Amino acid sequence: FAVKYLHAALPDLTPNHLSLFSAIGVASASTL
């Protein structure tokens, strides 16, 4: 359900984008 609306809002978003954003977010939080 969440992915359906995420894909509709951001049709160019790919799974690799999500994986990359996840890693960057965790690394940034860890550094802070």
PDB file of all heavy atoms in Angstrom:
ATOM      1  N   PHE A   1       0.836  -1.202   0.000  1.00  0.00           N
ATOM      2  CA  PHE A   1       0.000   0.000   0.000  1.00  0.00           C
ATOM      3  C   PHE A   1       0.873   1.255   0.000  1.00  0.00           C
ATOM      4  O   PHE A   1       0.637   2.198  -0.770  1.00  0.00           O
ATOM      5  CB  PHE A   1      -0.915  -0.015   1.226  1.00  0.00           C
ATOM      6  CG  PHE A   1      -1.809   1.183   1.338  1.00  0.00           C
ATOM      7  CD1 PHE A   1      -3.000   1.243   0.631  1.00  0.00           C
ATOM      8  CD2 PHE A   1      -1.462   2.261   2.157  1.00  0.00           C
ATOM      9  CE1 PHE A   1      -3.835   2.357   0.728  1.00  0.00           C
ATOM     10  CE2 PHE A   1      -2.290   3.375   2.255  1.00  0.00           C
ATOM     11  CZ  PHE A   1      -3.481   3.415   1.540  1.00  0.00           C
ATOM     12  N   ALA A   2       1.904   1.276   0.857  1.00  0.00           N
ATOM     13  CA  ALA A   2       2.794   2.433   0.941  1.00  0.00           C
ATOM     14  C   ALA A   2       3.584   2.612  -0.353  1.00  0.00           C
ATOM     15  O   ALA A   2       3.739   3.741  -0.842  1.00  0.00           O
ATOM     16  CB  ALA A   2       3.742   2.277   2.129  1.00  0.00           C
ATOM     17  N   VAL A   3       4.073   1.503  -0.904  1.00  0.00           N
ATOM     18  CA  VAL A   3       4.873   1.581  -2.129  1.00  0.00           C
ATOM     19  C   VAL A   3       4.034   2.052  -3.305  1.00  0.00           C
ATOM     20  O   VAL A   3       4.505   2.796  -4.173  1.00  0.00           O
ATOM     21  CB  VAL A   3       5.514   0.213  -2.438  1.00  0.00           C
ATOM     22  CG1 VAL A   3       6.096   0.174  -3.856  1.00  0.00           C
ATOM     23  CG2 VAL A   3       6.615  -0.089  -1.428  1.00  0.00           C
ATOM     24  N   LYS A   4       2.771   1.658  -3.343  1.00  0.00           N
ATOM     25  CA  LYS A   4       1.870   2.080  -4.422  1.00  0.00           C
ATOM     26  C   LYS A   4       1.796   3.603  -4.500  1.00  0.00           C
ATOM     27  O   LYS A   4       1.928   4.196  -5.592  1.00  0.00           O
ATOM     28  CB  LYS A   4       0.479   1.491  -4.184  1.00  0.00           C
ATOM     29  CG  LYS A   4      -0.581   1.998  -5.160  1.00  0.00           C
ATOM     30  CD  LYS A   4      -1.950   1.433  -4.808  1.00  0.00           C
ATOM     31  CE  LYS A   4      -3.037   2.022  -5.710  1.00  0.00           C
ATOM     32  NZ  LYS A   4      -4.383   1.498  -5.363  1.00  0.00           N
ATOM     33  N   TYR A   5       1.620   4.251  -3.351  1.00  0.00           N
ATOM     34  CA  TYR A   5       1.483   5.703  -3.340  1.00  0.00           C
ATOM     35  C   TYR A   5       2.836   6.395  -3.462  1.00  0.00           C
ATOM     36  O   TYR A   5       2.928   7.490  -4.046  1.00  0.00           O
ATOM     37  CB  TYR A   5       0.746   6.146  -2.083  1.00  0.00           C
ATOM     38  CG  TYR A   5      -0.730   5.822  -2.186  1.00  0.00           C
ATOM     39  CD1 TYR A   5      -1.239   4.650  -1.642  1.00  0.00           C
ATOM     40  CD2 TYR A   5      -1.596   6.669  -2.876  1.00  0.00           C
ATOM     41  CE1 TYR A   5      -2.582   4.332  -1.773  1.00  0.00           C
ATOM     42  CE2 TYR A   5      -2.939   6.360  -3.004  1.00  0.00           C
ATOM     43  CZ  TYR A   5      -3.424   5.191  -2.455  1.00  0.00           C
ATOM     44  OH  TYR A   5      -4.762   4.872  -2.599  1.00  0.00           O
ATOM     45  N   LEU A   6       3.883   5.769  -2.963  1.00  0.00           N
ATOM     46  CA  LEU A   6       5.226   6.318  -3.139  1.00  0.00           C
ATOM     47  C   LEU A   6       5.613   6.319  -4.616  1.00  0.00           C
ATOM     48  O   LEU A   6       6.162   7.297  -5.131  1.00  0.00           O
ATOM     49  CB  LEU A   6       6.231   5.487  -2.331  1.00  0.00           C
ATOM     50  CG  LEU A   6       7.686   5.972  -2.324  1.00  0.00           C
ATOM     51  CD1 LEU A   6       7.786   7.336  -1.659  1.00  0.00           C
ATOM     52  CD2 LEU A   6       8.574   4.963  -1.596  1.00  0.00           C
ATOM     53  N   HIS A   7       5.288   5.231  -5.309  1.00  0.00           N
ATOM     54  CA  HIS A   7       5.591   5.120  -6.735  1.00  0.00           C
ATOM     55  C   HIS A   7       4.756   6.103  -7.548  1.00  0.00           C
ATOM     56  O   HIS A   7       5.242   6.693  -8.525  1.00  0.00           O
ATOM     57  CB  HIS A   7       5.328   3.687  -7.201  1.00  0.00           C
ATOM     58  CG  HIS A   7       5.600   3.457  -8.649  1.00  0.00           C
ATOM     59  ND1 HIS A   7       6.728   3.927  -9.291  1.00  0.00           N
ATOM     60  CD2 HIS A   7       4.880   2.801  -9.607  1.00  0.00           C
ATOM     61  CE1 HIS A   7       6.702   3.575 -10.566  1.00  0.00           C
ATOM     62  NE2 HIS A   7       5.584   2.899 -10.776  1.00  0.00           N
ATOM     63  N   ALA A   8       3.513   6.309  -7.145  1.00  0.00           N
ATOM     64  CA  ALA A   8       2.657   7.262  -7.858  1.00  0.00           C
ATOM     65  C   ALA A   8       3.179   8.691  -7.692  1.00  0.00           C
ATOM     66  O   ALA A   8       3.147   9.494  -8.634  1.00  0.00           O
ATOM     67  CB  ALA A   8       1.229   7.162  -7.335  1.00  0.00           C
ATOM     68  N   ALA A   9       3.691   9.010  -6.501  1.00  0.00           N
ATOM     69  CA  ALA A   9       4.192  10.364  -6.245  1.00  0.00           C
ATOM     70  C   ALA A   9       5.559  10.589  -6.876  1.00  0.00           C
ATOM     71  O   ALA A   9       5.872  11.698  -7.319  1.00  0.00           O
ATOM     72  CB  ALA A   9       4.262  10.606  -4.738  1.00  0.00           C
ATOM     73  N   LEU A  10       6.384   9.522  -6.909  1.00  0.00           N
ATOM     74  CA  LEU A  10       7.755   9.630  -7.438  1.00  0.00           C
ATOM     75  C   LEU A  10       7.990   8.511  -8.442  1.00  0.00           C
ATOM     76  O   LEU A  10       8.657   7.513  -8.145  1.00  0.00           O
ATOM     77  CB  LEU A  10       8.768   9.546  -6.294  1.00  0.00           C
ATOM     78  CG  LEU A  10       8.642  10.606  -5.187  1.00  0.00           C
ATOM     79  CD1 LEU A  10       9.510  10.241  -3.996  1.00  0.00           C
ATOM     80  CD2 LEU A  10       9.032  11.983  -5.723  1.00  0.00           C
ATOM     81  N   PRO A  11       7.451   8.634  -9.653  1.00  0.00           N
ATOM     82  CA  PRO A  11       7.532   7.537 -10.627  1.00  0.00           C
ATOM     83  C   PRO A  11       8.947   7.191 -11.073  1.00  0.00           C
ATOM     84  O   PRO A  11       9.181   6.090 -11.564  1.00  0.00           O
ATOM     85  CB  PRO A  11       6.688   8.052 -11.804  1.00  0.00           C
ATOM     86  CG  PRO A  11       6.639   9.528 -11.636  1.00  0.00           C
ATOM     87  CD  PRO A  11       6.675   9.782 -10.170  1.00  0.00           C
ATOM     88  N   ASP A  12       9.901   8.108 -10.922  1.00  0.00           N
ATOM     89  CA  ASP A  12      11.286   7.834 -11.332  1.00  0.00           C
ATOM     90  C   ASP A  12      12.109   7.194 -10.218  1.00  0.00           C
ATOM     91  O   ASP A  12      13.289   6.878 -10.421  1.00  0.00           O
ATOM     92  CB  ASP A  12      11.969   9.138 -11.779  1.00  0.00           C
ATOM     93  CG  ASP A  12      11.345   9.709 -13.047  1.00  0.00           C
ATOM     94  OD1 ASP A  12      10.885   8.901 -13.886  1.00  0.00           O
ATOM     95  OD2 ASP A  12      11.315  10.946 -13.196  1.00  0.00           O
ATOM     96  N   LEU A  13      11.521   7.020  -9.058  1.00  0.00           N
ATOM     97  CA  LEU A  13      12.236   6.416  -7.935  1.00  0.00           C
ATOM     98  C   LEU A  13      12.479   4.935  -8.205  1.00  0.00           C
ATOM     99  O   LEU A  13      11.585   4.215  -8.644  1.00  0.00           O
ATOM    100  CB  LEU A  13      11.413   6.579  -6.656  1.00  0.00           C
ATOM    101  CG  LEU A  13      12.103   6.219  -5.335  1.00  0.00           C
ATOM    102  CD1 LEU A  13      13.181   7.245  -5.011  1.00  0.00           C
ATOM    103  CD2 LEU A  13      11.073   6.177  -4.202  1.00  0.00           C
ATOM    104  N   THR A  14      13.695   4.466  -7.940  1.00  0.00           N
ATOM    105  CA  THR A  14      14.044   3.069  -8.162  1.00  0.00           C
ATOM    106  C   THR A  14      14.402   2.399  -6.831  1.00  0.00           C
ATOM    107  O   THR A  14      14.690   3.081  -5.841  1.00  0.00           O
ATOM    108  CB  THR A  14      15.236   2.934  -9.124  1.00  0.00           C
ATOM    109  OG1 THR A  14      16.427   3.415  -8.461  1.00  0.00           O
ATOM    110  CG2 THR A  14      15.000   3.726 -10.407  1.00  0.00           C
ATOM    111  N   PRO A  15      14.421   1.061  -6.789  1.00  0.00           N
ATOM    112  CA  PRO A  15      14.823   0.369  -5.558  1.00  0.00           C
ATOM    113  C   PRO A  15      16.237   0.728  -5.113  1.00  0.00           C
ATOM    114  O   PRO A  15      16.493   0.826  -3.910  1.00  0.00           O
ATOM    115  CB  PRO A  15      14.727  -1.111  -5.963  1.00  0.00           C
ATOM    116  CG  PRO A  15      13.727  -1.145  -7.065  1.00  0.00           C
ATOM    117  CD  PRO A  15      13.929   0.132  -7.816  1.00  0.00           C
ATOM    118  N   ASN A  16      17.150   0.935  -6.061  1.00  0.00           N
ATOM    119  CA  ASN A  16      18.513   1.315  -5.686  1.00  0.00           C
ATOM    120  C   ASN A  16      18.548   2.686  -5.013  1.00  0.00           C
ATOM    121  O   ASN A  16      19.376   2.926  -4.123  1.00  0.00           O
ATOM    122  CB  ASN A  16      19.427   1.318  -6.913  1.00  0.00           C
ATOM    123  CG  ASN A  16      19.796  -0.087  -7.355  1.00  0.00           C
ATOM    124  OD1 ASN A  16      19.543  -1.056  -6.642  1.00  0.00           O
ATOM    125  ND2 ASN A  16      20.394  -0.199  -8.523  1.00  0.00           N
ATOM    126  N   HIS A  17      17.653   3.595  -5.435  1.00  0.00           N
ATOM    127  CA  HIS A  17      17.560   4.883  -4.760  1.00  0.00           C
ATOM    128  C   HIS A  17      17.189   4.685  -3.293  1.00  0.00           C
ATOM    129  O   HIS A  17      17.786   5.301  -2.404  1.00  0.00           O
ATOM    130  CB  HIS A  17      16.502   5.768  -5.436  1.00  0.00           C
ATOM    131  CG  HIS A  17      16.897   6.272  -6.783  1.00  0.00           C
ATOM    132  ND1 HIS A  17      15.986   6.495  -7.800  1.00  0.00           N
ATOM    133  CD2 HIS A  17      18.107   6.578  -7.305  1.00  0.00           C
ATOM    134  CE1 HIS A  17      16.614   6.947  -8.859  1.00  0.00           C
ATOM    135  NE2 HIS A  17      17.900   6.990  -8.593  1.00  0.00           N
ATOM    136  N   LEU A  18      16.204   3.829  -3.048  1.00  0.00           N
ATOM    137  CA  LEU A  18      15.763   3.589  -1.677  1.00  0.00           C
ATOM    138  C   LEU A  18      16.885   2.986  -0.836  1.00  0.00           C
ATOM    139  O   LEU A  18      17.106   3.394   0.307  1.00  0.00           O
ATOM    140  CB  LEU A  18      14.550   2.664  -1.671  1.00  0.00           C
ATOM    141  CG  LEU A  18      13.242   3.230  -2.243  1.00  0.00           C
ATOM    142  CD1 LEU A  18      12.141   2.174  -2.196  1.00  0.00           C
ATOM    143  CD2 LEU A  18      12.812   4.468  -1.480  1.00  0.00           C
ATOM    144  N   SER A  19      17.589   1.995  -1.398  1.00  0.00           N
ATOM    145  CA  SER A  19      18.693   1.369  -0.671  1.00  0.00           C
ATOM    146  C   SER A  19      19.784   2.380  -0.366  1.00  0.00           C
ATOM    147  O   SER A  19      20.348   2.404   0.743  1.00  0.00           O
ATOM    148  CB  SER A  19      19.272   0.210  -1.493  1.00  0.00           C
ATOM    149  OG  SER A  19      18.312  -0.805  -1.691  1.00  0.00           O
ATOM    150  N   LEU A  20      20.090   3.237  -1.349  1.00  0.00           N
ATOM    151  CA  LEU A  20      21.140   4.244  -1.158  1.00  0.00           C
ATOM    152  C   LEU A  20      20.725   5.280  -0.128  1.00  0.00           C
ATOM    153  O   LEU A  20      21.508   5.638   0.769  1.00  0.00           O
ATOM    154  CB  LEU A  20      21.451   4.916  -2.492  1.00  0.00           C
ATOM    155  CG  LEU A  20      22.597   5.934  -2.486  1.00  0.00           C
ATOM    156  CD1 LEU A  20      23.897   5.267  -2.067  1.00  0.00           C
ATOM    157  CD2 LEU A  20      22.748   6.589  -3.855  1.00  0.00           C
ATOM    158  N   PHE A  21      19.477   5.771  -0.233  1.00  0.00           N
ATOM    159  CA  PHE A  21      18.990   6.748   0.742  1.00  0.00           C
ATOM    160  C   PHE A  21      18.992   6.158   2.154  1.00  0.00           C
ATOM    161  O   PHE A  21      19.283   6.857   3.128  1.00  0.00           O
ATOM    162  CB  PHE A  21      17.577   7.212   0.377  1.00  0.00           C
ATOM    163  CG  PHE A  21      17.490   8.000  -0.901  1.00  0.00           C
ATOM    164  CD1 PHE A  21      16.312   8.054  -1.617  1.00  0.00           C
ATOM    165  CD2 PHE A  21      18.599   8.671  -1.386  1.00  0.00           C
ATOM    166  CE1 PHE A  21      16.230   8.786  -2.798  1.00  0.00           C
ATOM    167  CE2 PHE A  21      18.534   9.403  -2.562  1.00  0.00           C
ATOM    168  CZ  PHE A  21      17.344   9.456  -3.277  1.00  0.00           C
ATOM    169  N   SER A  22      18.658   4.877   2.246  1.00  0.00           N
ATOM    170  CA  SER A  22      18.651   4.218   3.549  1.00  0.00           C
ATOM    171  C   SER A  22      20.053   4.189   4.155  1.00  0.00           C
ATOM    172  O   SER A  22      20.244   4.544   5.326  1.00  0.00           O
ATOM    173  CB  SER A  22      18.114   2.788   3.416  1.00  0.00           C
ATOM    174  OG  SER A  22      18.199   2.102   4.652  1.00  0.00           O
ATOM    175  N   ALA A  23      21.035   3.795   3.362  1.00  0.00           N
ATOM    176  CA  ALA A  23      22.410   3.726   3.862  1.00  0.00           C
ATOM    177  C   ALA A  23      22.922   5.110   4.252  1.00  0.00           C
ATOM    178  O   ALA A  23      23.573   5.282   5.303  1.00  0.00           O
ATOM    179  CB  ALA A  23      23.315   3.105   2.805  1.00  0.00           C
ATOM    180  N   ILE A  24      22.633   6.121   3.415  1.00  0.00           N
ATOM    181  CA  ILE A  24      23.082   7.486   3.709  1.00  0.00           C
ATOM    182  C   ILE A  24      22.406   8.004   4.981  1.00  0.00           C
ATOM    183  O   ILE A  24      23.052   8.646   5.830  1.00  0.00           O
ATOM    184  CB  ILE A  24      22.776   8.416   2.518  1.00  0.00           C
ATOM    185  CG1 ILE A  24      23.657   8.058   1.319  1.00  0.00           C
ATOM    186  CG2 ILE A  24      23.000   9.879   2.907  1.00  0.00           C
ATOM    187  CD1 ILE A  24      23.323   8.827   0.063  1.00  0.00           C
ATOM    188  N   GLY A  25      21.117   7.710   5.138  1.00  0.00           N
ATOM    189  CA  GLY A  25      20.401   8.160   6.321  1.00  0.00           C
ATOM    190  C   GLY A  25      20.950   7.546   7.598  1.00  0.00           C
ATOM    191  O   GLY A  25      21.174   8.252   8.597  1.00  0.00           O
ATOM    192  N   VAL A  26      21.192   6.235   7.573  1.00  0.00           N
ATOM    193  CA  VAL A  26      21.730   5.561   8.764  1.00  0.00           C
ATOM    194  C   VAL A  26      23.141   6.063   9.070  1.00  0.00           C
ATOM    195  O   VAL A  26      23.489   6.315  10.235  1.00  0.00           O
ATOM    196  CB  VAL A  26      21.727   4.032   8.557  1.00  0.00           C
ATOM    197  CG1 VAL A  26      22.474   3.338   9.691  1.00  0.00           C
ATOM    198  CG2 VAL A  26      20.301   3.508   8.473  1.00  0.00           C
ATOM    199  N   ALA A  27      23.968   6.204   8.034  1.00  0.00           N
ATOM    200  CA  ALA A  27      25.336   6.681   8.241  1.00  0.00           C
ATOM    201  C   ALA A  27      25.349   8.115   8.777  1.00  0.00           C
ATOM    202  O   ALA A  27      26.152   8.448   9.665  1.00  0.00           O
ATOM    203  CB  ALA A  27      26.125   6.600   6.934  1.00  0.00           C
ATOM    204  N   SER A  28      24.454   8.945   8.263  1.00  0.00           N
ATOM    205  CA  SER A  28      24.379  10.336   8.731  1.00  0.00           C
ATOM    206  C   SER A  28      23.939  10.395  10.185  1.00  0.00           C
ATOM    207  O   SER A  28      24.507  11.144  10.998  1.00  0.00           O
ATOM    208  CB  SER A  28      23.408  11.138   7.860  1.00  0.00           C
ATOM    209  OG  SER A  28      23.846  11.180   6.513  1.00  0.00           O
ATOM    210  N   ALA A  29      22.912   9.618  10.530  1.00  0.00           N
ATOM    211  CA  ALA A  29      22.443   9.579  11.916  1.00  0.00           C
ATOM    212  C   ALA A  29      23.544   9.086  12.847  1.00  0.00           C
ATOM    213  O   ALA A  29      23.751   9.633  13.939  1.00  0.00           O
ATOM    214  CB  ALA A  29      21.218   8.677  12.021  1.00  0.00           C
ATOM    215  N   SER A  30      24.269   8.059  12.413  1.00  0.00           N
ATOM    216  CA  SER A  30      25.351   7.503  13.235  1.00  0.00           C
ATOM    217  C   SER A  30      26.446   8.536  13.469  1.00  0.00           C
ATOM    218  O   SER A  30      27.008   8.633  14.571  1.00  0.00           O
ATOM    219  CB  SER A  30      25.934   6.268  12.551  1.00  0.00           C
ATOM    220  OG  SER A  30      24.941   5.276  12.362  1.00  0.00           O
ATOM    221  N   THR A  31      26.768   9.318  12.424  1.00  0.00           N
ATOM    222  CA  THR A  31      27.797  10.349  12.556  1.00  0.00           C
ATOM    223  C   THR A  31      27.348  11.467  13.491  1.00  0.00           C
ATOM    224  O   THR A  31      28.119  11.934  14.339  1.00  0.00           O
ATOM    225  CB  THR A  31      28.145  10.938  11.175  1.00  0.00           C
ATOM    226  OG1 THR A  31      28.591   9.887  10.312  1.00  0.00           O
ATOM    227  CG2 THR A  31      29.236  11.991  11.285  1.00  0.00           C
ATOM    228  N   LEU A  32      26.107  11.906  13.354  1.00  0.00           N
ATOM    229  CA  LEU A  32      25.591  12.980  14.200  1.00  0.00           C
ATOM    230  C   LEU A  32      25.639  12.604  15.679  1.00  0.00           C
ATOM    231  O   LEU A  32      25.896  13.459  16.541  1.00  0.00           O
ATOM    232  CB  LEU A  32      24.155  13.322  13.798  1.00  0.00           C
ATOM    233  CG  LEU A  32      23.977  14.038  12.459  1.00  0.00           C
ATOM    234  CD1 LEU A  32      22.494  14.149  12.104  1.00  0.00           C
ATOM    235  CD2 LEU A  32      24.613  15.427  12.509  1.00  0.00           C
TER     236      LEU A  32
END
